[in-house]
Amino acid sequence: FACEVCSKSFAHSYALRYHMHSHSVEKPFTCNVCGKSFSWPEYLTDHMHSHTGEKPYKCSVCEKSFARSGHLATHKKTHSGKKPFTCTVCSKSFSQSGDLRKHMFIHTEEKPYKCGLCEKSFSQSQSLKGHMRTHTGEKPYTCTVCGKRFALSENLTKHMHVHTGEKPYTCTVCGKSFSLSENLHKHVRIHVR
């Protein structure tokens, strides 16, 4: 069952009928904080969580919490193991169509996420979010071992190798291993001389 307005598809006709209200002009449920209006009271309830910071919808698999029930429903698909959306360029698969749509920016080299403070643009919204921390100085990820702080979660993950002793980066020439990728890159130069 496909929506004639936005082409979104639904497995059941009742879900399509429910969805059609999102396109309706009639939105009698209004947020008393920001004035945004909604066609269903449940939508207003979910929206109110954006003002309170409350995340009452918890995933039963991984305990991650969400402010909106729809976001939880979307998240649950990541646990099913099903990845029906496949990139026609590189064959990478995704559990959600939106993730495939965002992924396609990598191949088209389109960078729709632009920094408002400098000239940089990004293909992924998360990359822009991480970049913004270079302007704000925010470092929300903290090492539980030594207290060092990081702007990006992936940098914390790499840093943890220092504490665990894990050395996942191995030189293909001599077999020496390193805990940080940048140390491997420095090391490889000795083989090039």
N, C-alpha and C. Protein backbone atom coordinates (compact mmCIF):
# COMPACT_ATOMS: atom_id res chain seq x y z
N PHE A 1 0.85 -1.18 0.00
CA PHE A 1 0.00 0.00 0.00
C PHE A 1 0.89 1.24 0.00
N ALA A 2 0.87 1.99 -1.07
CA ALA A 2 1.75 3.15 -1.23
C ALA A 2 0.98 4.46 -1.09
N CYS A 3 1.62 5.41 -0.44
CA CYS A 3 1.06 6.75 -0.29
C CYS A 3 1.20 7.48 -1.63
N GLU A 4 0.11 8.05 -2.12
CA GLU A 4 0.13 8.77 -3.40
C GLU A 4 0.78 10.15 -3.27
N VAL A 5 0.95 10.62 -2.04
CA VAL A 5 1.52 11.94 -1.83
C VAL A 5 3.05 11.88 -1.77
N CYS A 6 3.59 10.93 -0.96
CA CYS A 6 5.05 10.89 -0.76
C CYS A 6 5.69 9.57 -1.17
N SER A 7 4.91 8.62 -1.69
CA SER A 7 5.40 7.31 -2.16
C SER A 7 5.89 6.37 -1.06
N LYS A 8 5.67 6.70 0.21
CA LYS A 8 6.04 5.81 1.29
C LYS A 8 5.15 4.57 1.21
N SER A 9 5.71 3.39 1.49
CA SER A 9 4.95 2.15 1.39
C SER A 9 4.63 1.56 2.75
N PHE A 10 3.50 0.85 2.82
CA PHE A 10 3.05 0.24 4.06
C PHE A 10 2.56 -1.17 3.81
N ALA A 11 2.75 -2.05 4.79
CA ALA A 11 2.35 -3.45 4.66
C ALA A 11 0.84 -3.62 4.81
N HIS A 12 0.18 -2.71 5.53
CA HIS A 12 -1.26 -2.82 5.80
C HIS A 12 -1.98 -1.54 5.41
N SER A 13 -3.23 -1.70 4.97
CA SER A 13 -4.02 -0.54 4.55
C SER A 13 -4.30 0.41 5.71
N TYR A 14 -4.49 -0.15 6.92
CA TYR A 14 -4.75 0.72 8.07
C TYR A 14 -3.56 1.61 8.38
N ALA A 15 -2.34 1.10 8.14
CA ALA A 15 -1.14 1.91 8.38
C ALA A 15 -1.07 3.07 7.39
N LEU A 16 -1.49 2.80 6.14
CA LEU A 16 -1.53 3.86 5.14
C LEU A 16 -2.56 4.91 5.53
N ARG A 17 -3.76 4.46 5.97
CA ARG A 17 -4.80 5.41 6.39
C ARG A 17 -4.29 6.30 7.53
N TYR A 18 -3.62 5.69 8.50
CA TYR A 18 -3.06 6.42 9.64
C TYR A 18 -2.02 7.44 9.14
N HIS A 19 -1.16 6.99 8.22
CA HIS A 19 -0.12 7.84 7.66
C HIS A 19 -0.69 9.04 6.91
N MET A 20 -1.80 8.84 6.21
CA MET A 20 -2.39 9.91 5.40
C MET A 20 -2.72 11.15 6.23
N HIS A 21 -2.93 10.98 7.53
CA HIS A 21 -3.19 12.14 8.39
C HIS A 21 -1.98 13.08 8.46
N SER A 22 -0.78 12.54 8.20
CA SER A 22 0.41 13.40 8.24
C SER A 22 0.38 14.41 7.09
N HIS A 23 -0.39 14.10 6.04
CA HIS A 23 -0.52 15.02 4.90
C HIS A 23 -1.76 15.90 5.00
N SER A 24 -2.59 15.63 5.99
CA SER A 24 -3.84 16.36 6.18
C SER A 24 -3.57 17.79 6.63
N VAL A 25 -4.41 18.71 6.17
CA VAL A 25 -4.31 20.11 6.57
C VAL A 25 -4.79 20.26 8.02
N GLU A 26 -5.70 19.39 8.42
CA GLU A 26 -6.27 19.45 9.77
C GLU A 26 -5.28 18.89 10.79
N LYS A 27 -4.79 19.76 11.66
CA LYS A 27 -3.84 19.37 12.71
C LYS A 27 -4.27 20.06 14.01
N PRO A 28 -5.26 19.50 14.68
CA PRO A 28 -5.85 20.16 15.84
C PRO A 28 -5.05 20.06 17.14
N PHE A 29 -3.98 19.26 17.17
CA PHE A 29 -3.23 19.07 18.41
C PHE A 29 -1.96 19.92 18.35
N THR A 30 -1.90 20.96 19.19
CA THR A 30 -0.83 21.95 19.13
C THR A 30 0.06 21.90 20.37
N CYS A 31 1.37 21.99 20.14
CA CYS A 31 2.35 22.01 21.23
C CYS A 31 2.29 23.38 21.91
N ASN A 32 2.14 23.38 23.23
CA ASN A 32 2.05 24.65 23.96
C ASN A 32 3.43 25.28 24.21
N VAL A 33 4.51 24.58 23.80
CA VAL A 33 5.85 25.12 23.97
C VAL A 33 6.30 25.86 22.70
N CYS A 34 6.17 25.20 21.54
CA CYS A 34 6.69 25.80 20.31
C CYS A 34 5.63 26.11 19.26
N GLY A 35 4.40 25.66 19.49
CA GLY A 35 3.31 25.97 18.57
C GLY A 35 3.15 25.03 17.38
N LYS A 36 4.00 24.02 17.28
CA LYS A 36 3.89 23.07 16.18
C LYS A 36 2.61 22.26 16.34
N SER A 37 1.92 21.97 15.22
CA SER A 37 0.64 21.26 15.26
C SER A 37 0.74 19.86 14.68
N PHE A 38 -0.13 18.97 15.18
CA PHE A 38 -0.11 17.57 14.79
C PHE A 38 -1.52 17.05 14.51
N SER A 39 -1.59 16.04 13.65
CA SER A 39 -2.89 15.48 13.29
C SER A 39 -3.35 14.41 14.28
N TRP A 40 -2.47 13.87 15.09
CA TRP A 40 -2.82 12.85 16.07
C TRP A 40 -2.28 13.23 17.44
N PRO A 41 -3.01 12.92 18.52
CA PRO A 41 -2.51 13.25 19.87
C PRO A 41 -1.23 12.48 20.21
N GLU A 42 -1.07 11.26 19.66
CA GLU A 42 0.15 10.47 19.91
C GLU A 42 1.38 11.18 19.35
N TYR A 43 1.21 11.84 18.19
CA TYR A 43 2.32 12.57 17.59
C TYR A 43 2.74 13.74 18.48
N LEU A 44 1.75 14.42 19.06
CA LEU A 44 2.04 15.52 19.97
C LEU A 44 2.76 15.01 21.21
N THR A 45 2.30 13.89 21.75
CA THR A 45 2.94 13.30 22.94
C THR A 45 4.41 12.99 22.65
N ASP A 46 4.66 12.34 21.52
CA ASP A 46 6.04 12.03 21.14
C ASP A 46 6.86 13.30 20.96
N HIS A 47 6.27 14.31 20.32
CA HIS A 47 6.95 15.58 20.08
C HIS A 47 7.34 16.26 21.39
N MET A 48 6.49 16.18 22.40
CA MET A 48 6.76 16.84 23.68
C MET A 48 8.06 16.34 24.31
N HIS A 49 8.43 15.08 24.00
CA HIS A 49 9.68 14.53 24.53
C HIS A 49 10.90 15.31 24.00
N SER A 50 10.75 15.95 22.83
CA SER A 50 11.88 16.74 22.31
C SER A 50 12.12 17.97 23.18
N HIS A 51 11.11 18.41 23.90
CA HIS A 51 11.28 19.56 24.80
C HIS A 51 11.75 19.13 26.19
N THR A 52 11.31 17.96 26.62
CA THR A 52 11.64 17.51 27.98
C THR A 52 12.93 16.70 28.03
N GLY A 53 13.36 16.16 26.87
CA GLY A 53 14.55 15.32 26.84
C GLY A 53 14.26 13.88 27.27
N GLU A 54 13.00 13.60 27.58
CA GLU A 54 12.60 12.27 28.02
C GLU A 54 12.70 11.28 26.85
N LYS A 55 13.17 10.06 27.14
CA LYS A 55 13.28 9.01 26.12
C LYS A 55 12.63 7.74 26.68
N PRO A 56 11.30 7.68 26.65
CA PRO A 56 10.59 6.58 27.29
C PRO A 56 10.53 5.27 26.49
N TYR A 57 10.92 5.31 25.22
CA TYR A 57 10.81 4.11 24.39
C TYR A 57 12.16 3.39 24.35
N LYS A 58 12.24 2.26 25.06
CA LYS A 58 13.50 1.55 25.22
C LYS A 58 13.52 0.27 24.40
N CYS A 59 14.64 0.04 23.71
CA CYS A 59 14.83 -1.18 22.93
C CYS A 59 15.04 -2.35 23.88
N SER A 60 14.28 -3.43 23.69
CA SER A 60 14.38 -4.60 24.56
C SER A 60 15.63 -5.42 24.28
N VAL A 61 16.29 -5.16 23.15
CA VAL A 61 17.48 -5.93 22.79
C VAL A 61 18.75 -5.27 23.34
N CYS A 62 18.90 -3.96 23.10
CA CYS A 62 20.16 -3.29 23.47
C CYS A 62 20.01 -2.18 24.51
N GLU A 63 18.79 -1.95 24.98
CA GLU A 63 18.53 -0.94 26.02
C GLU A 63 18.66 0.51 25.54
N LYS A 64 18.90 0.75 24.24
CA LYS A 64 18.97 2.12 23.73
C LYS A 64 17.58 2.74 23.85
N SER A 65 17.52 4.03 24.21
CA SER A 65 16.24 4.70 24.42
C SER A 65 15.99 5.78 23.36
N PHE A 66 14.69 6.02 23.12
CA PHE A 66 14.29 6.97 22.09
C PHE A 66 13.16 7.86 22.60
N ALA A 67 13.10 9.07 22.08
CA ALA A 67 12.05 10.02 22.45
C ALA A 67 10.76 9.73 21.70
N ARG A 68 10.86 9.10 20.54
CA ARG A 68 9.69 8.84 19.71
C ARG A 68 9.52 7.36 19.44
N SER A 69 8.29 6.90 19.49
CA SER A 69 8.01 5.49 19.26
C SER A 69 8.41 5.05 17.86
N GLY A 70 8.25 5.94 16.89
CA GLY A 70 8.63 5.63 15.51
C GLY A 70 10.13 5.42 15.36
N HIS A 71 10.91 6.17 16.13
CA HIS A 71 12.36 6.00 16.07
C HIS A 71 12.77 4.65 16.65
N LEU A 72 12.07 4.21 17.70
CA LEU A 72 12.33 2.89 18.27
C LEU A 72 11.98 1.81 17.25
N ALA A 73 10.84 1.95 16.58
CA ALA A 73 10.42 0.96 15.59
C ALA A 73 11.45 0.85 14.46
N THR A 74 11.96 1.99 14.02
CA THR A 74 12.99 2.00 12.98
C THR A 74 14.27 1.35 13.49
N HIS A 75 14.66 1.68 14.72
CA HIS A 75 15.87 1.12 15.32
C HIS A 75 15.80 -0.40 15.44
N LYS A 76 14.64 -0.93 15.80
CA LYS A 76 14.47 -2.37 16.01
C LYS A 76 14.83 -3.17 14.76
N LYS A 77 14.67 -2.57 13.60
CA LYS A 77 15.01 -3.24 12.34
C LYS A 77 16.50 -3.58 12.27
N THR A 78 17.32 -2.81 12.98
CA THR A 78 18.77 -3.07 12.93
C THR A 78 19.11 -4.38 13.63
N HIS A 79 18.25 -4.87 14.50
CA HIS A 79 18.50 -6.12 15.21
C HIS A 79 17.99 -7.35 14.46
N SER A 80 17.18 -7.15 13.44
CA SER A 80 16.59 -8.28 12.72
C SER A 80 17.60 -9.00 11.85
N GLY A 81 18.69 -8.30 11.52
CA GLY A 81 19.69 -8.89 10.63
C GLY A 81 19.32 -8.74 9.16
N LYS A 82 18.10 -8.32 8.88
CA LYS A 82 17.66 -8.15 7.50
C LYS A 82 18.15 -6.81 6.97
N LYS A 83 18.71 -6.85 5.78
CA LYS A 83 19.20 -5.64 5.13
C LYS A 83 18.71 -5.64 3.68
N PRO A 84 17.44 -5.29 3.49
CA PRO A 84 16.85 -5.40 2.15
C PRO A 84 17.20 -4.27 1.18
N PHE A 85 17.85 -3.23 1.68
CA PHE A 85 18.17 -2.09 0.82
C PHE A 85 19.64 -2.15 0.42
N THR A 86 19.90 -2.42 -0.87
CA THR A 86 21.26 -2.65 -1.34
C THR A 86 21.70 -1.56 -2.32
N CYS A 87 22.93 -1.09 -2.12
CA CYS A 87 23.51 -0.07 -2.99
C CYS A 87 23.82 -0.71 -4.35
N THR A 88 23.37 -0.06 -5.41
CA THR A 88 23.60 -0.58 -6.76
C THR A 88 25.02 -0.34 -7.24
N VAL A 89 25.77 0.50 -6.53
CA VAL A 89 27.14 0.81 -6.93
C VAL A 89 28.14 -0.15 -6.28
N CYS A 90 28.04 -0.32 -4.94
CA CYS A 90 29.05 -1.12 -4.23
C CYS A 90 28.49 -2.36 -3.55
N SER A 91 27.18 -2.57 -3.65
CA SER A 91 26.49 -3.75 -3.08
C SER A 91 26.41 -3.77 -1.54
N LYS A 92 26.76 -2.68 -0.88
CA LYS A 92 26.60 -2.61 0.57
C LYS A 92 25.10 -2.60 0.89
N SER A 93 24.71 -3.35 1.94
CA SER A 93 23.29 -3.46 2.28
C SER A 93 22.96 -2.70 3.56
N PHE A 94 21.69 -2.27 3.65
CA PHE A 94 21.23 -1.49 4.79
C PHE A 94 19.87 -1.99 5.25
N SER A 95 19.62 -1.83 6.55
CA SER A 95 18.33 -2.25 7.11
C SER A 95 17.25 -1.20 6.88
N GLN A 96 17.67 0.03 6.58
CA GLN A 96 16.70 1.11 6.40
C GLN A 96 16.95 1.86 5.10
N SER A 97 15.88 2.23 4.42
CA SER A 97 16.02 2.92 3.13
C SER A 97 16.72 4.27 3.29
N GLY A 98 16.48 4.94 4.41
CA GLY A 98 17.11 6.25 4.65
C GLY A 98 18.62 6.14 4.75
N ASP A 99 19.10 5.03 5.31
CA ASP A 99 20.56 4.83 5.42
C ASP A 99 21.17 4.62 4.03
N LEU A 100 20.46 3.91 3.16
CA LEU A 100 20.94 3.72 1.79
C LEU A 100 20.96 5.07 1.07
N ARG A 101 19.90 5.87 1.25
CA ARG A 101 19.82 7.19 0.61
C ARG A 101 21.02 8.05 1.03
N LYS A 102 21.33 8.07 2.33
CA LYS A 102 22.47 8.84 2.83
C LYS A 102 23.79 8.29 2.28
N HIS A 103 23.89 6.95 2.21
CA HIS A 103 25.09 6.28 1.72
C HIS A 103 25.39 6.69 0.27
N MET A 104 24.36 6.87 -0.53
CA MET A 104 24.54 7.19 -1.95
C MET A 104 25.30 8.49 -2.16
N PHE A 105 25.27 9.40 -1.16
CA PHE A 105 26.02 10.65 -1.27
C PHE A 105 27.51 10.38 -1.43
N ILE A 106 27.99 9.26 -0.87
CA ILE A 106 29.41 8.91 -0.98
C ILE A 106 29.77 8.69 -2.45
N HIS A 107 28.90 8.01 -3.19
CA HIS A 107 29.17 7.71 -4.59
C HIS A 107 28.95 8.90 -5.50
N THR A 108 27.98 9.74 -5.19
CA THR A 108 27.69 10.90 -6.04
C THR A 108 28.61 12.07 -5.69
N GLU A 109 29.35 11.92 -4.58
CA GLU A 109 30.23 12.97 -4.06
C GLU A 109 29.46 14.23 -3.69
N GLU A 110 28.14 14.07 -3.52
CA GLU A 110 27.30 15.18 -3.08
C GLU A 110 27.54 15.40 -1.60
N LYS A 111 27.66 16.65 -1.20
CA LYS A 111 27.90 17.00 0.20
C LYS A 111 26.86 18.02 0.65
N PRO A 112 25.66 17.54 0.96
CA PRO A 112 24.57 18.46 1.29
C PRO A 112 24.62 19.05 2.70
N TYR A 113 25.48 18.52 3.56
CA TYR A 113 25.54 18.99 4.94
C TYR A 113 26.67 20.00 5.07
N LYS A 114 26.30 21.28 5.15
CA LYS A 114 27.27 22.36 5.13
C LYS A 114 27.44 23.01 6.51
N CYS A 115 28.68 23.28 6.86
CA CYS A 115 28.99 23.95 8.11
C CYS A 115 28.64 25.43 7.96
N GLY A 116 27.92 25.97 8.94
CA GLY A 116 27.55 27.37 8.90
C GLY A 116 28.65 28.30 9.39
N LEU A 117 29.76 27.73 9.89
CA LEU A 117 30.83 28.55 10.44
C LEU A 117 32.08 28.60 9.56
N CYS A 118 32.22 27.61 8.68
CA CYS A 118 33.35 27.61 7.76
C CYS A 118 32.89 27.06 6.41
N GLU A 119 33.79 26.83 5.51
CA GLU A 119 33.43 26.43 4.14
C GLU A 119 33.25 24.93 3.95
N LYS A 120 33.45 24.12 5.00
CA LYS A 120 33.42 22.67 4.84
C LYS A 120 32.02 22.12 4.62
N SER A 121 31.95 21.06 3.79
CA SER A 121 30.70 20.34 3.52
C SER A 121 30.93 18.85 3.70
N PHE A 122 29.85 18.12 4.00
CA PHE A 122 29.97 16.70 4.29
C PHE A 122 28.87 15.90 3.62
N SER A 123 29.16 14.63 3.33
CA SER A 123 28.16 13.77 2.71
C SER A 123 27.25 13.15 3.77
N GLN A 124 27.68 13.13 5.02
CA GLN A 124 26.90 12.52 6.10
C GLN A 124 26.61 13.56 7.19
N SER A 125 25.40 13.52 7.75
CA SER A 125 25.04 14.48 8.80
C SER A 125 25.88 14.25 10.06
N GLN A 126 26.22 12.99 10.34
CA GLN A 126 27.05 12.69 11.52
C GLN A 126 28.44 13.29 11.39
N SER A 127 28.95 13.33 10.16
CA SER A 127 30.27 13.94 9.93
C SER A 127 30.23 15.43 10.22
N LEU A 128 29.15 16.09 9.81
CA LEU A 128 28.99 17.51 10.12
C LEU A 128 28.89 17.72 11.62
N LYS A 129 28.13 16.86 12.29
CA LYS A 129 27.97 16.97 13.75
C LYS A 129 29.32 16.85 14.45
N GLY A 130 30.13 15.89 14.01
CA GLY A 130 31.48 15.73 14.59
C GLY A 130 32.35 16.92 14.28
N HIS A 131 32.26 17.43 13.05
CA HIS A 131 33.04 18.60 12.64
C HIS A 131 32.69 19.82 13.48
N MET A 132 31.42 20.00 13.79
CA MET A 132 30.99 21.17 14.56
C MET A 132 31.71 21.24 15.91
N ARG A 133 32.11 20.07 16.41
CA ARG A 133 32.82 20.05 17.69
C ARG A 133 34.21 20.68 17.59
N THR A 134 34.76 20.79 16.36
CA THR A 134 36.05 21.47 16.22
C THR A 134 35.86 22.97 16.47
N HIS A 135 34.64 23.45 16.24
CA HIS A 135 34.34 24.87 16.48
C HIS A 135 33.95 25.11 17.94
N THR A 136 33.21 24.16 18.51
CA THR A 136 32.70 24.36 19.88
C THR A 136 33.68 23.88 20.96
N GLY A 137 34.58 22.97 20.55
CA GLY A 137 35.51 22.39 21.53
C GLY A 137 34.88 21.29 22.37
N GLU A 138 33.64 20.93 22.05
CA GLU A 138 32.93 19.89 22.81
C GLU A 138 33.62 18.54 22.62
N LYS A 139 33.81 17.82 23.73
CA LYS A 139 34.40 16.48 23.71
C LYS A 139 33.56 15.59 24.61
N PRO A 140 32.44 15.05 24.08
CA PRO A 140 31.50 14.31 24.92
C PRO A 140 31.90 12.87 25.25
N TYR A 141 32.94 12.35 24.61
CA TYR A 141 33.32 10.95 24.83
C TYR A 141 34.57 10.88 25.72
N THR A 142 34.41 10.25 26.89
CA THR A 142 35.47 10.22 27.89
C THR A 142 35.97 8.80 28.13
N CYS A 143 37.28 8.63 28.15
CA CYS A 143 37.89 7.34 28.45
C CYS A 143 37.67 7.04 29.93
N THR A 144 37.11 5.87 30.22
CA THR A 144 36.83 5.49 31.61
C THR A 144 38.09 5.08 32.36
N VAL A 145 39.19 4.86 31.62
CA VAL A 145 40.44 4.44 32.26
C VAL A 145 41.29 5.64 32.67
N CYS A 146 41.52 6.57 31.72
CA CYS A 146 42.43 7.68 32.02
C CYS A 146 41.77 9.06 32.02
N GLY A 147 40.52 9.13 31.62
CA GLY A 147 39.81 10.41 31.63
C GLY A 147 40.01 11.29 30.41
N LYS A 148 40.82 10.85 29.45
CA LYS A 148 41.02 11.63 28.23
C LYS A 148 39.69 11.76 27.49
N ARG A 149 39.46 12.95 26.91
CA ARG A 149 38.17 13.21 26.26
C ARG A 149 38.36 13.34 24.75
N PHE A 150 37.28 12.97 24.02
CA PHE A 150 37.34 12.97 22.56
C PHE A 150 36.07 13.58 21.97
N ALA A 151 36.23 14.20 20.81
CA ALA A 151 35.09 14.79 20.11
C ALA A 151 34.31 13.72 19.35
N LEU A 152 34.99 12.66 18.92
CA LEU A 152 34.35 11.60 18.12
C LEU A 152 34.43 10.26 18.84
N SER A 153 33.35 9.49 18.79
CA SER A 153 33.32 8.19 19.46
C SER A 153 34.35 7.24 18.88
N GLU A 154 34.57 7.32 17.55
CA GLU A 154 35.56 6.42 16.93
C GLU A 154 36.98 6.68 17.42
N ASN A 155 37.26 7.94 17.79
CA ASN A 155 38.58 8.25 18.35
C ASN A 155 38.75 7.65 19.74
N LEU A 156 37.67 7.63 20.53
CA LEU A 156 37.71 6.97 21.83
C LEU A 156 37.92 5.48 21.65
N THR A 157 37.22 4.88 20.70
CA THR A 157 37.36 3.44 20.44
C THR A 157 38.81 3.10 20.09
N LYS A 158 39.42 3.90 19.21
CA LYS A 158 40.83 3.68 18.84
C LYS A 158 41.74 3.86 20.05
N HIS A 159 41.46 4.88 20.85
CA HIS A 159 42.27 5.16 22.04
C HIS A 159 42.24 3.99 23.03
N MET A 160 41.12 3.33 23.15
CA MET A 160 40.98 2.22 24.11
C MET A 160 41.97 1.09 23.82
N HIS A 161 42.43 0.96 22.57
CA HIS A 161 43.43 -0.06 22.24
C HIS A 161 44.72 0.13 23.05
N VAL A 162 45.01 1.39 23.39
CA VAL A 162 46.20 1.69 24.19
C VAL A 162 46.09 1.02 25.56
N HIS A 163 44.90 1.03 26.13
CA HIS A 163 44.69 0.45 27.47
C HIS A 163 44.52 -1.07 27.44
N THR A 164 43.86 -1.58 26.38
CA THR A 164 43.60 -3.03 26.32
C THR A 164 44.80 -3.81 25.82
N GLY A 165 45.74 -3.10 25.17
CA GLY A 165 46.89 -3.79 24.60
C GLY A 165 46.60 -4.37 23.23
N GLU A 166 45.36 -4.21 22.76
CA GLU A 166 45.00 -4.73 21.45
C GLU A 166 45.77 -3.97 20.37
N LYS A 167 46.26 -4.72 19.38
CA LYS A 167 47.02 -4.11 18.28
C LYS A 167 46.43 -4.59 16.95
N PRO A 168 45.32 -3.96 16.55
CA PRO A 168 44.62 -4.44 15.35
C PRO A 168 45.21 -3.98 14.01
N TYR A 169 46.21 -3.11 14.05
CA TYR A 169 46.78 -2.58 12.81
C TYR A 169 48.14 -3.23 12.56
N THR A 170 48.22 -4.06 11.50
CA THR A 170 49.42 -4.85 11.25
C THR A 170 50.08 -4.46 9.94
N CYS A 171 51.39 -4.33 9.98
CA CYS A 171 52.18 -4.00 8.78
C CYS A 171 52.19 -5.22 7.86
N THR A 172 51.83 -5.01 6.61
CA THR A 172 51.78 -6.11 5.65
C THR A 172 53.18 -6.51 5.16
N VAL A 173 54.17 -5.66 5.44
CA VAL A 173 55.54 -5.95 5.00
C VAL A 173 56.27 -6.82 6.01
N CYS A 174 56.26 -6.40 7.30
CA CYS A 174 57.05 -7.12 8.30
C CYS A 174 56.23 -7.80 9.40
N GLY A 175 54.92 -7.54 9.43
CA GLY A 175 54.06 -8.20 10.41
C GLY A 175 53.97 -7.53 11.77
N LYS A 176 54.69 -6.42 11.96
CA LYS A 176 54.64 -5.71 13.24
C LYS A 176 53.24 -5.11 13.43
N SER A 177 52.71 -5.17 14.67
CA SER A 177 51.36 -4.67 14.95
C SER A 177 51.38 -3.43 15.82
N PHE A 178 50.30 -2.62 15.68
CA PHE A 178 50.20 -1.36 16.38
C PHE A 178 48.79 -1.17 16.93
N SER A 179 48.71 -0.43 18.04
CA SER A 179 47.41 -0.17 18.65
C SER A 179 46.68 0.98 17.96
N LEU A 180 47.41 1.88 17.32
CA LEU A 180 46.82 3.02 16.63
C LEU A 180 47.18 3.00 15.14
N SER A 181 46.21 3.30 14.29
CA SER A 181 46.45 3.28 12.84
C SER A 181 47.51 4.29 12.43
N GLU A 182 47.53 5.44 13.11
CA GLU A 182 48.52 6.47 12.75
C GLU A 182 49.95 5.99 13.01
N ASN A 183 50.14 5.14 14.04
CA ASN A 183 51.47 4.58 14.30
C ASN A 183 51.89 3.61 13.20
N LEU A 184 50.93 2.85 12.67
CA LEU A 184 51.22 1.96 11.55
C LEU A 184 51.63 2.78 10.33
N HIS A 185 50.91 3.87 10.06
CA HIS A 185 51.23 4.71 8.90
C HIS A 185 52.65 5.29 9.02
N LYS A 186 53.04 5.71 10.22
CA LYS A 186 54.40 6.22 10.44
C LYS A 186 55.42 5.11 10.21
N HIS A 187 55.11 3.92 10.71
CA HIS A 187 56.03 2.78 10.61
C HIS A 187 56.25 2.37 9.17
N VAL A 188 55.21 2.34 8.36
CA VAL A 188 55.29 1.89 6.97
C VAL A 188 56.34 2.68 6.19
N ARG A 189 56.57 3.92 6.59
CA ARG A 189 57.54 4.77 5.90
C ARG A 189 58.95 4.19 5.94
N ILE A 190 59.29 3.41 6.97
CA ILE A 190 60.65 2.83 7.05
C ILE A 190 60.88 1.80 5.94
N HIS A 191 59.81 1.22 5.44
CA HIS A 191 59.94 0.23 4.36
C HIS A 191 60.04 0.89 3.00
N VAL A 192 59.63 2.14 2.89
CA VAL A 192 59.60 2.84 1.61
C VAL A 192 60.95 3.45 1.26
N ARG A 193 61.77 3.74 2.27
CA ARG A 193 63.05 4.44 2.05
C ARG A 193 63.95 3.75 1.06
